[in-house]
């Protein structure tokens, strides 16, 4: 099932890692949304991701989702570097980017 992201919003994406992989020993975790030649990246080592058990949570900003074009195919992938040096990568999952009627950030 595809992940749906609406431009100009602040979605929270939760990715469940299989129980047989312990992410407690992860030193780097990258969540990448790729569309065309551009990426939106979130990194664990810089505090942009939250880890809860075997769930990885990425919160996107309005600015990040506004960079996603509504009509282009996108995919999401997670990559993990363990403290042992083992590198893991998920399969690429499809992302559906939905549009908004008025572009730009909403500010209070």
Protein backbone atom coordinates (compact mmCIF):
# COMPACT_ATOMS: atom_id res chain seq x y z
CA UNK A 1 0.00 0.00 0.00
CA UNK A 2 1.36 3.39 -0.97
CA UNK A 3 2.12 6.15 1.52
CA UNK A 4 0.04 9.26 0.80
CA UNK A 5 1.55 12.72 1.38
CA UNK A 6 -0.38 15.92 0.73
CA UNK A 7 1.77 18.91 -0.21
CA UNK A 8 1.90 21.81 2.25
CA UNK A 9 1.09 19.63 5.28
CA UNK A 10 3.13 18.24 8.17
CA UNK A 11 2.62 14.47 7.96
CA UNK A 12 4.10 11.95 10.36
CA UNK A 13 5.37 8.82 8.62
CA UNK A 14 5.83 5.72 10.78
CA UNK A 15 7.88 2.84 9.40
CA UNK A 16 7.84 -0.48 11.25
CA UNK A 17 11.07 -2.48 11.16
CA UNK A 18 10.68 -6.29 11.41
CA UNK A 19 11.16 -7.67 14.91
CA UNK A 20 14.19 -9.75 13.85
CA UNK A 21 16.16 -6.54 13.22
CA UNK A 22 17.25 -4.69 16.37
CA UNK A 23 17.63 -1.01 15.60
CA UNK A 24 18.96 -0.37 19.11
CA UNK A 25 22.47 -0.84 17.65
CA UNK A 26 21.89 1.50 14.71
CA UNK A 27 24.35 4.35 14.37
CA UNK A 28 22.81 5.90 11.25
CA UNK A 29 19.25 5.70 9.94
CA UNK A 30 18.21 7.52 6.78
CA UNK A 31 14.67 7.87 5.48
CA UNK A 32 14.68 9.17 1.91
CA UNK A 33 11.77 10.25 -0.24
CA UNK A 34 12.97 10.45 -3.84
CA UNK A 35 11.12 12.11 -6.68
CA UNK A 36 12.81 12.58 -10.03
CA UNK A 37 16.38 13.68 -9.31
CA UNK A 38 15.60 15.30 -5.94
CA UNK A 39 15.39 13.88 -2.40
CA UNK A 40 13.89 14.75 0.97
CA UNK A 41 16.11 13.13 3.61
CA UNK A 42 15.64 12.59 7.33
CA UNK A 43 18.51 11.36 9.50
CA UNK A 44 18.50 9.67 12.90
CA UNK A 45 22.00 10.81 13.85
CA UNK A 46 20.98 14.47 13.55
CA UNK A 47 17.79 14.04 15.56
CA UNK A 48 15.39 14.33 12.61
CA UNK A 49 13.93 10.86 13.30
CA UNK A 50 12.38 9.38 16.42
CA UNK A 51 12.84 5.73 17.37
CA UNK A 52 10.14 3.96 19.40
CA UNK A 53 10.78 0.24 19.76
CA UNK A 54 10.98 -1.03 16.18
CA UNK A 55 9.15 1.97 14.74
CA UNK A 56 10.96 4.81 13.00
CA UNK A 57 9.00 8.06 12.93
CA UNK A 58 9.75 10.86 10.46
CA UNK A 59 7.89 14.16 10.69
CA UNK A 60 7.91 16.27 7.54
CA UNK A 61 7.62 20.06 7.51
CA UNK A 62 5.41 22.16 5.26
CA UNK A 63 8.56 23.30 3.45
CA UNK A 64 9.61 19.70 2.77
CA UNK A 65 6.22 18.59 1.48
CA UNK A 66 5.93 21.70 -0.71
CA UNK A 67 9.14 20.57 -2.46
CA UNK A 68 7.34 17.38 -3.55
CA UNK A 69 5.73 17.78 -6.97
CA UNK A 70 2.12 16.62 -7.13
CA UNK A 71 2.36 14.91 -10.48
CA UNK A 72 5.63 13.04 -10.19
CA UNK A 73 6.14 9.43 -9.11
CA UNK A 74 7.97 9.13 -5.79
CA UNK A 75 9.35 6.39 -3.57
CA UNK A 76 10.46 6.04 0.05
CA UNK A 77 13.31 3.91 1.38
CA UNK A 78 14.98 3.43 4.73
CA UNK A 79 18.68 2.66 5.14
CA UNK A 80 20.28 1.60 8.42
CA UNK A 81 23.95 1.39 9.42
CA UNK A 82 24.56 -0.83 12.44
CA UNK A 83 27.43 -0.29 14.89
CA UNK A 84 28.97 -3.51 13.51
CA UNK A 85 29.29 -1.88 10.08
CA UNK A 86 26.43 -3.91 8.56
CA UNK A 87 24.32 -1.76 6.22
CA UNK A 88 20.65 -2.58 5.55
CA UNK A 89 18.15 -1.12 3.07
CA UNK A 90 14.42 -1.61 2.70
CA UNK A 91 12.67 -2.09 -0.57
CA UNK A 92 11.47 1.12 -2.20
CA UNK A 93 7.82 1.75 -1.39
CA UNK A 94 5.60 3.94 -3.59
CA UNK A 95 4.53 7.38 -2.39
CA UNK A 96 1.50 9.23 -3.72
CA UNK A 97 1.88 13.02 -3.62
CA UNK A 98 -1.47 14.82 -3.49
CA UNK A 99 -1.90 18.47 -4.37
CA UNK A 100 -3.35 21.50 -2.63
CA UNK A 101 -5.36 24.34 -4.15
CA UNK A 102 -3.27 27.23 -2.77
CA UNK A 103 0.51 26.78 -2.68
CA UNK A 104 2.74 28.05 0.12
CA UNK A 105 3.23 27.61 3.84
CA UNK A 106 0.53 28.43 6.38
CA UNK A 107 1.95 30.60 9.16
CA UNK A 108 0.30 31.66 12.39
